[in-house]
Amino acid sequence: MKYISKLFIMLTFVFGLAFSSTLFVQSAYAKDEGINELLGAPIVVYGGNLTEDQKAEVRRILDVDQDNVTEMEVTGKDIAHYIDGNPNSNMYSSVKITHKDKGHGIVVNIVTADNITQVTSEMYSNALLTAGVENALIEVASPLQVTGHSALTGIYKAYDAAGADLDKDRMEVANDELSIATELSEKEGLTQETVTELMTEIKKAIADQDPATREDVEKIVQEQLDKLEINLSEEDRQLLTDLFERMRELDIDFDKVKQQLEDITSTIKDRLGDINIDEGFWDKVSKFFQDLIDSIAGLFKG
């Protein structure tokens, strides 16, 4: 009898989680605010190498109403135009940009998380703050597995089409930031969350200390590496120093977006905490089911 009770409790728990998740998703998407007539219709930018069928899949994933959006494609030529990149690049990542009122900040949702393999939403947010992008809901999707880098150029093209005056040097630095972040996150002992936290903390320190020289930037980088207990090679430390020195020379005002940097740090810390909790929780769930199976098997043997 006690085994049946255990099974009933566990099934109730599992169905409760599923029901709660469904309610959360429904509440998150139930409210359709329509088009903000002051800010204009959303802009959808498709990866230029998508087939027509793949593009249709992206429309479905991003819930695109073709009558109420502006649609365009991003190609290798756009990479060359906006960030002096390779004009022969393949472009698959797609984005939907909904402009928001001042004070909204940058919110990035990766709708197809399993298909964007290298870039996280916080990495996108961080790079976009560097580029000077403000106040938008940005949804990223791909119908096949890709790294996710080309989405950044798609966002630049959308802002250009909307009349925003983004600085090309800042866009180039933001793109390099994204590339370095994904490169570092593949190093042994580092995670995407750890690298994003490092990048964010360095920006916050730059906002606080207003470094005047390269040596000051190098000191900030090393201080944050020590603070987060991250060990990098000399080559990687110089890579970070070079990146943030370029930001210093561009006089990017991170103090202006400091609250958003704080929000990114908070999100990352929560996620790191959830990872540790999840690992322990699911270990216990797995053990419970194994014990339950062993117990049921024992009943039949009896």
C-alpha atoms as a PDB file:
ATOM      1  CA  MET A   1       0.000   0.000   0.000  1.00  0.00           C
ATOM      2  CA  LYS A   2       2.805   2.396   0.861  1.00  0.00           C
ATOM      3  CA  TYR A   3       4.288   1.934  -2.637  1.00  0.00           C
ATOM      4  CA  ILE A   4       0.968   2.895  -4.238  1.00  0.00           C
ATOM      5  CA  SER A   5       0.846   5.976  -2.010  1.00  0.00           C
ATOM      6  CA  LYS A   6       4.354   6.954  -3.060  1.00  0.00           C
ATOM      7  CA  LEU A   7       3.496   6.521  -6.722  1.00  0.00           C
ATOM      8  CA  PHE A   8       0.315   8.586  -6.349  1.00  0.00           C
ATOM      9  CA  ILE A   9       2.200  11.424  -4.650  1.00  0.00           C
ATOM     10  CA  MET A  10       4.917  11.463  -7.297  1.00  0.00           C
ATOM     11  CA  LEU A  11       2.447  11.440 -10.201  1.00  0.00           C
ATOM     12  CA  THR A  12       0.513  14.266  -8.563  1.00  0.00           C
ATOM     13  CA  PHE A  13       3.764  16.246  -8.270  1.00  0.00           C
ATOM     14  CA  VAL A  14       4.766  15.664 -11.889  1.00  0.00           C
ATOM     15  CA  PHE A  15       1.336  16.571 -13.284  1.00  0.00           C
ATOM     16  CA  GLY A  16       1.295  19.622 -11.020  1.00  0.00           C
ATOM     17  CA  LEU A  17       4.583  20.825 -12.525  1.00  0.00           C
ATOM     18  CA  ALA A  18       3.301  20.289 -16.047  1.00  0.00           C
ATOM     19  CA  PHE A  19       0.065  22.150 -15.304  1.00  0.00           C
ATOM     20  CA  SER A  20       1.943  25.054 -13.682  1.00  0.00           C
ATOM     21  CA  SER A  21       4.293  25.312 -16.665  1.00  0.00           C
ATOM     22  CA  THR A  22       1.323  25.427 -19.038  1.00  0.00           C
ATOM     23  CA  LEU A  23      -0.293  28.215 -17.053  1.00  0.00           C
ATOM     24  CA  PHE A  24       2.982  30.157 -17.047  1.00  0.00           C
ATOM     25  CA  VAL A  25       3.362  29.893 -20.826  1.00  0.00           C
ATOM     26  CA  GLN A  26      -0.255  30.866 -21.379  1.00  0.00           C
ATOM     27  CA  SER A  27      -0.001  33.884 -19.086  1.00  0.00           C
ATOM     28  CA  ALA A  28       3.243  34.989 -20.754  1.00  0.00           C
ATOM     29  CA  TYR A  29       1.737  35.025 -24.241  1.00  0.00           C
ATOM     30  CA  ALA A  30      -1.967  35.547 -23.633  1.00  0.00           C
ATOM     31  CA  LYS A  31      -1.904  39.323 -23.729  1.00  0.00           C
ATOM     32  CA  ASP A  32      -1.649  40.705 -27.247  1.00  0.00           C
ATOM     33  CA  GLU A  33      -0.860  44.383 -26.994  1.00  0.00           C
ATOM     34  CA  GLY A  34      -1.137  44.978 -30.745  1.00  0.00           C
ATOM     35  CA  ILE A  35       1.043  47.399 -32.699  1.00  0.00           C
ATOM     36  CA  ASN A  36       2.388  50.461 -30.930  1.00  0.00           C
ATOM     37  CA  GLU A  37       1.468  53.120 -33.504  1.00  0.00           C
ATOM     38  CA  LEU A  38       4.081  55.535 -32.149  1.00  0.00           C
ATOM     39  CA  LEU A  39       6.954  53.054 -32.479  1.00  0.00           C
ATOM     40  CA  GLY A  40       5.894  51.272 -35.646  1.00  0.00           C
ATOM     41  CA  ALA A  41       5.319  47.652 -36.597  1.00  0.00           C
ATOM     42  CA  PRO A  42       7.726  44.897 -35.528  1.00  0.00           C
ATOM     43  CA  ILE A  43      10.555  44.086 -37.929  1.00  0.00           C
ATOM     44  CA  VAL A  44      11.411  40.505 -38.844  1.00  0.00           C
ATOM     45  CA  VAL A  45      14.813  39.786 -40.365  1.00  0.00           C
ATOM     46  CA  TYR A  46      15.328  36.347 -41.908  1.00  0.00           C
ATOM     47  CA  GLY A  47      18.679  34.670 -42.464  1.00  0.00           C
ATOM     48  CA  GLY A  48      19.392  35.046 -46.164  1.00  0.00           C
ATOM     49  CA  ASN A  49      20.389  31.389 -46.621  1.00  0.00           C
ATOM     50  CA  LEU A  50      17.079  29.992 -45.418  1.00  0.00           C
ATOM     51  CA  THR A  51      14.944  28.103 -47.927  1.00  0.00           C
ATOM     52  CA  GLU A  52      11.339  29.199 -48.416  1.00  0.00           C
ATOM     53  CA  ASP A  53      10.149  26.267 -46.305  1.00  0.00           C
ATOM     54  CA  GLN A  54      12.594  27.191 -43.522  1.00  0.00           C
ATOM     55  CA  LYS A  55      11.473  30.804 -43.700  1.00  0.00           C
ATOM     56  CA  ALA A  56       7.873  29.674 -43.323  1.00  0.00           C
ATOM     57  CA  GLU A  57       8.910  27.668 -40.278  1.00  0.00           C
ATOM     58  CA  VAL A  58      10.525  30.752 -38.761  1.00  0.00           C
ATOM     59  CA  ARG A  59       7.312  32.705 -39.345  1.00  0.00           C
ATOM     60  CA  ARG A  60       5.443  30.025 -37.413  1.00  0.00           C
ATOM     61  CA  ILE A  61       7.995  29.932 -34.596  1.00  0.00           C
ATOM     62  CA  LEU A  62       8.041  33.725 -34.192  1.00  0.00           C
ATOM     63  CA  ASP A  63       4.283  34.038 -34.638  1.00  0.00           C
ATOM     64  CA  VAL A  64       4.694  36.451 -37.549  1.00  0.00           C
ATOM     65  CA  ASP A  65       1.609  38.172 -38.911  1.00  0.00           C
ATOM     66  CA  GLN A  66       2.824  39.235 -42.358  1.00  0.00           C
ATOM     67  CA  ASP A  67       0.154  41.912 -42.604  1.00  0.00           C
ATOM     68  CA  ASN A  68       1.466  43.663 -39.493  1.00  0.00           C
ATOM     69  CA  VAL A  69       5.272  43.432 -39.706  1.00  0.00           C
ATOM     70  CA  THR A  70       8.090  44.690 -41.886  1.00  0.00           C
ATOM     71  CA  GLU A  71      10.060  41.769 -43.362  1.00  0.00           C
ATOM     72  CA  MET A  72      13.602  41.725 -44.740  1.00  0.00           C
ATOM     73  CA  GLU A  73      16.598  39.428 -45.129  1.00  0.00           C
ATOM     74  CA  VAL A  74      20.163  39.646 -43.821  1.00  0.00           C
ATOM     75  CA  THR A  75      23.007  38.405 -46.043  1.00  0.00           C
ATOM     76  CA  GLY A  76      26.768  38.232 -46.089  1.00  0.00           C
ATOM     77  CA  LYS A  77      26.769  41.592 -47.850  1.00  0.00           C
ATOM     78  CA  ASP A  78      25.165  43.087 -44.740  1.00  0.00           C
ATOM     79  CA  ILE A  79      27.928  41.641 -42.563  1.00  0.00           C
ATOM     80  CA  ALA A  80      30.457  43.329 -44.838  1.00  0.00           C
ATOM     81  CA  HIS A  81      28.482  46.590 -44.725  1.00  0.00           C
ATOM     82  CA  TYR A  82      27.832  46.826 -40.987  1.00  0.00           C
ATOM     83  CA  ILE A  83      30.921  45.229 -39.420  1.00  0.00           C
ATOM     84  CA  ASP A  84      33.397  44.719 -42.292  1.00  0.00           C
ATOM     85  CA  GLY A  85      32.848  40.966 -42.034  1.00  0.00           C
ATOM     86  CA  ASN A  86      32.992  38.178 -44.589  1.00  0.00           C
ATOM     87  CA  PRO A  87      30.516  38.860 -47.429  1.00  0.00           C
ATOM     88  CA  ASN A  88      30.367  35.108 -48.129  1.00  0.00           C
ATOM     89  CA  SER A  89      29.052  34.279 -44.664  1.00  0.00           C
ATOM     90  CA  ASN A  90      26.087  31.933 -44.400  1.00  0.00           C
ATOM     91  CA  MET A  91      23.115  33.477 -42.587  1.00  0.00           C
ATOM     92  CA  TYR A  92      20.449  31.355 -40.926  1.00  0.00           C
ATOM     93  CA  SER A  93      19.621  33.011 -37.580  1.00  0.00           C
ATOM     94  CA  SER A  94      16.497  35.157 -37.735  1.00  0.00           C
ATOM     95  CA  VAL A  95      15.160  37.859 -35.430  1.00  0.00           C
ATOM     96  CA  LYS A  96      11.938  39.667 -34.652  1.00  0.00           C
ATOM     97  CA  ILE A  97      12.421  43.151 -33.211  1.00  0.00           C
ATOM     98  CA  THR A  98       9.600  44.940 -31.451  1.00  0.00           C
ATOM     99  CA  HIS A  99      10.548  48.491 -30.501  1.00  0.00           C
ATOM    100  CA  LYS A 100       9.529  49.548 -26.998  1.00  0.00           C
ATOM    101  CA  ASP A 101       9.123  52.803 -25.109  1.00  0.00           C
ATOM    102  CA  LYS A 102      12.075  54.486 -23.433  1.00  0.00           C
ATOM    103  CA  GLY A 103      12.976  52.773 -20.197  1.00  0.00           C
ATOM    104  CA  HIS A 104      12.002  49.276 -21.377  1.00  0.00           C
ATOM    105  CA  GLY A 105      15.604  48.314 -22.037  1.00  0.00           C
ATOM    106  CA  ILE A 106      16.823  45.361 -24.089  1.00  0.00           C
ATOM    107  CA  VAL A 107      15.047  42.045 -23.579  1.00  0.00           C
ATOM    108  CA  VAL A 108      16.268  39.089 -25.640  1.00  0.00           C
ATOM    109  CA  ASN A 109      14.338  35.820 -25.908  1.00  0.00           C
ATOM    110  CA  ILE A 110      15.893  32.890 -27.750  1.00  0.00           C
ATOM    111  CA  VAL A 111      12.757  31.111 -28.934  1.00  0.00           C
ATOM    112  CA  THR A 112      14.603  28.070 -30.333  1.00  0.00           C
ATOM    113  CA  ALA A 113      17.157  27.577 -27.565  1.00  0.00           C
ATOM    114  CA  ASP A 114      18.162  24.106 -28.777  1.00  0.00           C
ATOM    115  CA  ASN A 115      19.074  25.488 -32.211  1.00  0.00           C
ATOM    116  CA  ILE A 116      21.186  28.471 -31.081  1.00  0.00           C
ATOM    117  CA  THR A 117      24.231  26.577 -29.897  1.00  0.00           C
ATOM    118  CA  GLN A 118      26.804  29.200 -28.846  1.00  0.00           C
ATOM    119  CA  VAL A 119      25.097  32.482 -27.973  1.00  0.00           C
ATOM    120  CA  THR A 120      22.877  33.024 -24.920  1.00  0.00           C
ATOM    121  CA  SER A 121      20.269  35.724 -24.464  1.00  0.00           C
ATOM    122  CA  GLU A 122      22.546  37.497 -21.969  1.00  0.00           C
ATOM    123  CA  MET A 123      25.422  37.455 -24.470  1.00  0.00           C
ATOM    124  CA  TYR A 124      23.160  39.089 -27.050  1.00  0.00           C
ATOM    125  CA  SER A 125      21.977  41.681 -24.513  1.00  0.00           C
ATOM    126  CA  ASN A 126      25.516  42.506 -23.451  1.00  0.00           C
ATOM    127  CA  ALA A 127      26.731  42.944 -27.027  1.00  0.00           C
ATOM    128  CA  LEU A 128      23.703  45.044 -27.985  1.00  0.00           C
ATOM    129  CA  LEU A 129      24.328  47.401 -25.064  1.00  0.00           C
ATOM    130  CA  THR A 130      27.861  47.829 -26.409  1.00  0.00           C
ATOM    131  CA  ALA A 131      26.482  48.546 -29.896  1.00  0.00           C
ATOM    132  CA  GLY A 132      24.132  51.204 -28.545  1.00  0.00           C
ATOM    133  CA  VAL A 133      20.854  49.361 -29.154  1.00  0.00           C
ATOM    134  CA  GLU A 134      18.114  50.426 -26.742  1.00  0.00           C
ATOM    135  CA  ASN A 135      14.517  49.630 -25.758  1.00  0.00           C
ATOM    136  CA  ALA A 136      13.375  46.580 -27.679  1.00  0.00           C
ATOM    137  CA  LEU A 137      12.037  43.065 -27.331  1.00  0.00           C
ATOM    138  CA  ILE A 138      14.213  40.868 -29.524  1.00  0.00           C
ATOM    139  CA  GLU A 139      13.243  37.288 -30.342  1.00  0.00           C
ATOM    140  CA  VAL A 140      15.812  34.994 -31.975  1.00  0.00           C
ATOM    141  CA  ALA A 141      15.020  31.791 -33.838  1.00  0.00           C
ATOM    142  CA  SER A 142      16.467  29.277 -36.258  1.00  0.00           C
ATOM    143  CA  PRO A 143      14.869  26.182 -37.829  1.00  0.00           C
ATOM    144  CA  LEU A 144      18.234  24.376 -37.741  1.00  0.00           C
ATOM    145  CA  GLN A 145      21.210  24.308 -35.401  1.00  0.00           C
ATOM    146  CA  VAL A 146      23.502  27.328 -35.840  1.00  0.00           C
ATOM    147  CA  THR A 147      25.920  29.266 -33.654  1.00  0.00           C
ATOM    148  CA  GLY A 148      23.641  32.324 -33.575  1.00  0.00           C
ATOM    149  CA  HIS A 149      26.197  34.988 -34.494  1.00  0.00           C
ATOM    150  CA  SER A 150      24.464  36.277 -37.618  1.00  0.00           C
ATOM    151  CA  ALA A 151      21.410  37.382 -35.605  1.00  0.00           C
ATOM    152  CA  LEU A 152      23.409  40.379 -34.383  1.00  0.00           C
ATOM    153  CA  THR A 153      23.829  41.729 -37.916  1.00  0.00           C
ATOM    154  CA  GLY A 154      20.129  41.158 -38.541  1.00  0.00           C
ATOM    155  CA  ILE A 155      19.365  43.361 -35.531  1.00  0.00           C
ATOM    156  CA  TYR A 156      21.688  46.073 -36.845  1.00  0.00           C
ATOM    157  CA  LYS A 157      19.944  45.993 -40.210  1.00  0.00           C
ATOM    158  CA  ALA A 158      16.521  46.284 -38.557  1.00  0.00           C
ATOM    159  CA  TYR A 159      17.605  49.313 -36.544  1.00  0.00           C
ATOM    160  CA  ASP A 160      19.125  50.893 -39.633  1.00  0.00           C
ATOM    161  CA  ALA A 161      15.847  50.380 -41.495  1.00  0.00           C
ATOM    162  CA  ALA A 162      13.990  51.986 -38.597  1.00  0.00           C
ATOM    163  CA  GLY A 163      16.176  55.098 -38.869  1.00  0.00           C
ATOM    164  CA  ALA A 164      18.350  54.484 -35.798  1.00  0.00           C
ATOM    165  CA  ASP A 165      21.856  55.890 -36.084  1.00  0.00           C
ATOM    166  CA  LEU A 166      24.104  53.120 -34.721  1.00  0.00           C
ATOM    167  CA  ASP A 167      27.839  53.771 -34.730  1.00  0.00           C
ATOM    168  CA  LYS A 168      29.730  51.363 -37.005  1.00  0.00           C
ATOM    169  CA  ASP A 169      32.759  51.167 -34.719  1.00  0.00           C
ATOM    170  CA  ARG A 170      30.535  50.227 -31.787  1.00  0.00           C
ATOM    171  CA  MET A 171      28.784  47.579 -33.901  1.00  0.00           C
ATOM    172  CA  GLU A 172      32.144  46.078 -34.853  1.00  0.00           C
ATOM    173  CA  VAL A 173      33.321  45.997 -31.228  1.00  0.00           C
ATOM    174  CA  ALA A 174      30.015  44.448 -30.137  1.00  0.00           C
ATOM    175  CA  ASN A 175      30.409  41.728 -32.757  1.00  0.00           C
ATOM    176  CA  ASP A 176      33.968  41.034 -31.580  1.00  0.00           C
ATOM    177  CA  GLU A 177      32.693  40.939 -27.997  1.00  0.00           C
ATOM    178  CA  LEU A 178      30.175  38.250 -28.938  1.00  0.00           C
ATOM    179  CA  SER A 179      32.851  36.233 -30.747  1.00  0.00           C
ATOM    180  CA  ILE A 180      35.272  36.445 -27.808  1.00  0.00           C
ATOM    181  CA  ALA A 181      32.537  35.543 -25.318  1.00  0.00           C
ATOM    182  CA  THR A 182      31.578  32.403 -27.250  1.00  0.00           C
ATOM    183  CA  GLU A 183      35.239  31.505 -27.766  1.00  0.00           C
ATOM    184  CA  LEU A 184      36.036  31.810 -24.054  1.00  0.00           C
ATOM    185  CA  SER A 185      32.929  29.860 -23.053  1.00  0.00           C
ATOM    186  CA  GLU A 186      34.336  26.849 -24.907  1.00  0.00           C
ATOM    187  CA  LYS A 187      37.501  26.859 -22.798  1.00  0.00           C
ATOM    188  CA  GLU A 188      37.907  24.107 -20.227  1.00  0.00           C
ATOM    189  CA  GLY A 189      36.403  25.058 -16.870  1.00  0.00           C
ATOM    190  CA  LEU A 190      34.362  27.985 -18.216  1.00  0.00           C
ATOM    191  CA  THR A 191      30.635  28.189 -18.940  1.00  0.00           C
ATOM    192  CA  GLN A 192      28.562  30.642 -20.936  1.00  0.00           C
ATOM    193  CA  GLU A 193      27.177  32.014 -17.661  1.00  0.00           C
ATOM    194  CA  THR A 194      30.636  32.519 -16.142  1.00  0.00           C
ATOM    195  CA  VAL A 195      31.954  34.314 -19.225  1.00  0.00           C
ATOM    196  CA  THR A 196      28.876  36.544 -19.432  1.00  0.00           C
ATOM    197  CA  GLU A 197      29.226  37.455 -15.761  1.00  0.00           C
ATOM    198  CA  LEU A 198      32.890  38.324 -16.355  1.00  0.00           C
ATOM    199  CA  MET A 199      32.096  40.564 -19.333  1.00  0.00           C
ATOM    200  CA  THR A 200      29.320  42.297 -17.416  1.00  0.00           C
ATOM    201  CA  GLU A 201      31.393  42.881 -14.292  1.00  0.00           C
ATOM    202  CA  ILE A 202      34.229  44.380 -16.346  1.00  0.00           C
ATOM    203  CA  LYS A 203      31.782  46.830 -17.956  1.00  0.00           C
ATOM    204  CA  LYS A 204      30.383  47.789 -14.553  1.00  0.00           C
ATOM    205  CA  ALA A 205      33.907  48.363 -13.240  1.00  0.00           C
ATOM    206  CA  ILE A 206      34.705  50.526 -16.269  1.00  0.00           C
ATOM    207  CA  ALA A 207      31.558  52.562 -15.547  1.00  0.00           C
ATOM    208  CA  ASP A 208      32.636  53.006 -11.907  1.00  0.00           C
ATOM    209  CA  GLN A 209      36.346  53.674 -12.416  1.00  0.00           C
ATOM    210  CA  ASP A 210      36.406  55.480 -15.792  1.00  0.00           C
ATOM    211  CA  PRO A 211      39.875  54.146 -16.784  1.00  0.00           C
ATOM    212  CA  ALA A 212      42.161  56.684 -18.469  1.00  0.00           C
ATOM    213  CA  THR A 213      44.817  54.338 -19.894  1.00  0.00           C
ATOM    214  CA  ARG A 214      45.269  50.829 -21.251  1.00  0.00           C
ATOM    215  CA  GLU A 215      47.064  49.939 -18.025  1.00  0.00           C
ATOM    216  CA  ASP A 216      43.943  50.932 -16.088  1.00  0.00           C
ATOM    217  CA  VAL A 217      41.818  48.687 -18.313  1.00  0.00           C
ATOM    218  CA  GLU A 218      44.269  45.807 -17.868  1.00  0.00           C
ATOM    219  CA  LYS A 219      44.059  46.244 -14.097  1.00  0.00           C
ATOM    220  CA  ILE A 220      40.244  46.140 -14.183  1.00  0.00           C
ATOM    221  CA  VAL A 221      40.277  42.969 -16.286  1.00  0.00           C
ATOM    222  CA  GLN A 222      42.665  41.250 -13.868  1.00  0.00           C
ATOM    223  CA  GLU A 223      40.681  42.411 -10.827  1.00  0.00           C
ATOM    224  CA  GLN A 224      37.494  40.879 -12.195  1.00  0.00           C
ATOM    225  CA  LEU A 225      39.264  37.665 -13.162  1.00  0.00           C
ATOM    226  CA  ASP A 226      40.557  37.392  -9.594  1.00  0.00           C
ATOM    227  CA  LYS A 227      37.179  38.292  -8.113  1.00  0.00           C
ATOM    228  CA  LEU A 228      35.395  35.565 -10.082  1.00  0.00           C
ATOM    229  CA  GLU A 229      38.312  33.130  -9.610  1.00  0.00           C
ATOM    230  CA  ILE A 230      38.773  32.673 -13.357  1.00  0.00           C
ATOM    231  CA  ASN A 231      42.148  31.574 -14.677  1.00  0.00           C
ATOM    232  CA  LEU A 232      42.955  32.549 -18.259  1.00  0.00           C
ATOM    233  CA  SER A 233      46.090  32.256 -20.331  1.00  0.00           C
ATOM    234  CA  GLU A 234      48.132  35.378 -20.960  1.00  0.00           C
ATOM    235  CA  GLU A 235      46.894  35.336 -24.549  1.00  0.00           C
ATOM    236  CA  ASP A 236      43.235  35.312 -23.468  1.00  0.00           C
ATOM    237  CA  ARG A 237      43.810  38.050 -20.873  1.00  0.00           C
ATOM    238  CA  GLN A 238      45.333  40.245 -23.553  1.00  0.00           C
ATOM    239  CA  LEU A 239      42.395  39.451 -25.834  1.00  0.00           C
ATOM    240  CA  LEU A 240      40.023  40.805 -23.177  1.00  0.00           C
ATOM    241  CA  THR A 241      42.225  43.817 -22.491  1.00  0.00           C
ATOM    242  CA  ASP A 242      42.381  44.658 -26.214  1.00  0.00           C
ATOM    243  CA  LEU A 243      38.586  44.400 -26.474  1.00  0.00           C
ATOM    244  CA  PHE A 244      37.828  46.662 -23.517  1.00  0.00           C
ATOM    245  CA  GLU A 245      40.576  49.094 -24.474  1.00  0.00           C
ATOM    246  CA  ARG A 246      38.787  49.557 -27.806  1.00  0.00           C
ATOM    247  CA  MET A 247      35.583  50.249 -25.871  1.00  0.00           C
ATOM    248  CA  ARG A 248      37.425  52.798 -23.727  1.00  0.00           C
ATOM    249  CA  GLU A 249      38.780  54.540 -26.819  1.00  0.00           C
ATOM    250  CA  LEU A 250      35.237  54.708 -28.241  1.00  0.00           C
ATOM    251  CA  ASP A 251      34.184  56.374 -24.983  1.00  0.00           C
ATOM    252  CA  ILE A 252      31.209  54.035 -24.515  1.00  0.00           C
ATOM    253  CA  ASP A 253      29.207  55.255 -21.546  1.00  0.00           C
ATOM    254  CA  PHE A 254      28.436  52.066 -19.604  1.00  0.00           C
ATOM    255  CA  ASP A 255      27.202  54.176 -16.717  1.00  0.00           C
ATOM    256  CA  LYS A 256      24.180  54.968 -18.910  1.00  0.00           C
ATOM    257  CA  VAL A 257      23.193  51.303 -19.030  1.00  0.00           C
ATOM    258  CA  LYS A 258      24.494  50.286 -15.616  1.00  0.00           C
ATOM    259  CA  GLN A 259      21.076  49.167 -14.368  1.00  0.00           C
ATOM    260  CA  GLN A 260      20.753  46.810 -17.316  1.00  0.00           C
ATOM    261  CA  LEU A 261      24.224  45.460 -16.573  1.00  0.00           C
ATOM    262  CA  GLU A 262      23.106  44.900 -12.973  1.00  0.00           C
ATOM    263  CA  ASP A 263      20.059  43.036 -14.284  1.00  0.00           C
ATOM    264  CA  ILE A 264      22.252  40.775 -16.438  1.00  0.00           C
ATOM    265  CA  THR A 265      24.468  39.992 -13.435  1.00  0.00           C
ATOM    266  CA  SER A 266      21.418  39.182 -11.313  1.00  0.00           C
ATOM    267  CA  THR A 267      19.992  36.895 -14.008  1.00  0.00           C
ATOM    268  CA  ILE A 268      23.301  35.067 -14.385  1.00  0.00           C
ATOM    269  CA  LYS A 269      23.669  34.550 -10.623  1.00  0.00           C
ATOM    270  CA  ASP A 270      20.117  33.178 -10.466  1.00  0.00           C
ATOM    271  CA  ARG A 271      20.840  30.849 -13.357  1.00  0.00           C
ATOM    272  CA  LEU A 272      24.066  29.582 -11.787  1.00  0.00           C
ATOM    273  CA  GLY A 273      22.155  28.967  -8.570  1.00  0.00           C
ATOM    274  CA  ASP A 274      19.387  27.155 -10.444  1.00  0.00           C
ATOM    275  CA  ILE A 275      21.947  24.912 -12.154  1.00  0.00           C
ATOM    276  CA  ASN A 276      23.273  23.757  -8.783  1.00  0.00           C
ATOM    277  CA  ILE A 277      19.757  23.300  -7.381  1.00  0.00           C
ATOM    278  CA  ASP A 278      18.551  21.457 -10.471  1.00  0.00           C
ATOM    279  CA  GLU A 279      21.471  19.046 -10.407  1.00  0.00           C
ATOM    280  CA  GLY A 280      20.765  18.089  -6.813  1.00  0.00           C
ATOM    281  CA  PHE A 281      16.993  18.004  -7.264  1.00  0.00           C
ATOM    282  CA  TRP A 282      17.003  15.763 -10.311  1.00  0.00           C
ATOM    283  CA  ASP A 283      19.546  13.450  -8.724  1.00  0.00           C
ATOM    284  CA  LYS A 284      17.041  12.945  -5.890  1.00  0.00           C
ATOM    285  CA  VAL A 285      14.145  12.474  -8.334  1.00  0.00           C
ATOM    286  CA  SER A 286      16.167   9.929 -10.286  1.00  0.00           C
ATOM    287  CA  LYS A 287      17.049   8.067  -7.102  1.00  0.00           C
ATOM    288  CA  PHE A 288      13.395   8.097  -6.001  1.00  0.00           C
ATOM    289  CA  PHE A 289      12.219   6.548  -9.263  1.00  0.00           C
ATOM    290  CA  GLN A 290      14.982   3.956  -9.148  1.00  0.00           C
ATOM    291  CA  ASP A 291      14.036   3.053  -5.575  1.00  0.00           C
ATOM    292  CA  LEU A 292      10.369   2.927  -6.616  1.00  0.00           C
ATOM    293  CA  ILE A 293      11.114   0.607  -9.541  1.00  0.00           C
ATOM    294  CA  ASP A 294      13.242  -1.625  -7.316  1.00  0.00           C
ATOM    295  CA  SER A 295      10.460  -1.729  -4.731  1.00  0.00           C
ATOM    296  CA  ILE A 296       7.789  -2.648  -7.314  1.00  0.00           C
ATOM    297  CA  ALA A 297      10.082  -5.305  -8.744  1.00  0.00           C
ATOM    298  CA  GLY A 298      10.498  -6.649  -5.220  1.00  0.00           C
ATOM    299  CA  LEU A 299       6.702  -6.874  -4.789  1.00  0.00           C
ATOM    300  CA  PHE A 300       6.361  -8.981  -7.929  1.00  0.00           C
ATOM    301  CA  LYS A 301       9.209 -11.219  -6.870  1.00  0.00           C
ATOM    302  CA  GLY A 302       7.451 -11.649  -3.518  1.00  0.00           C
END
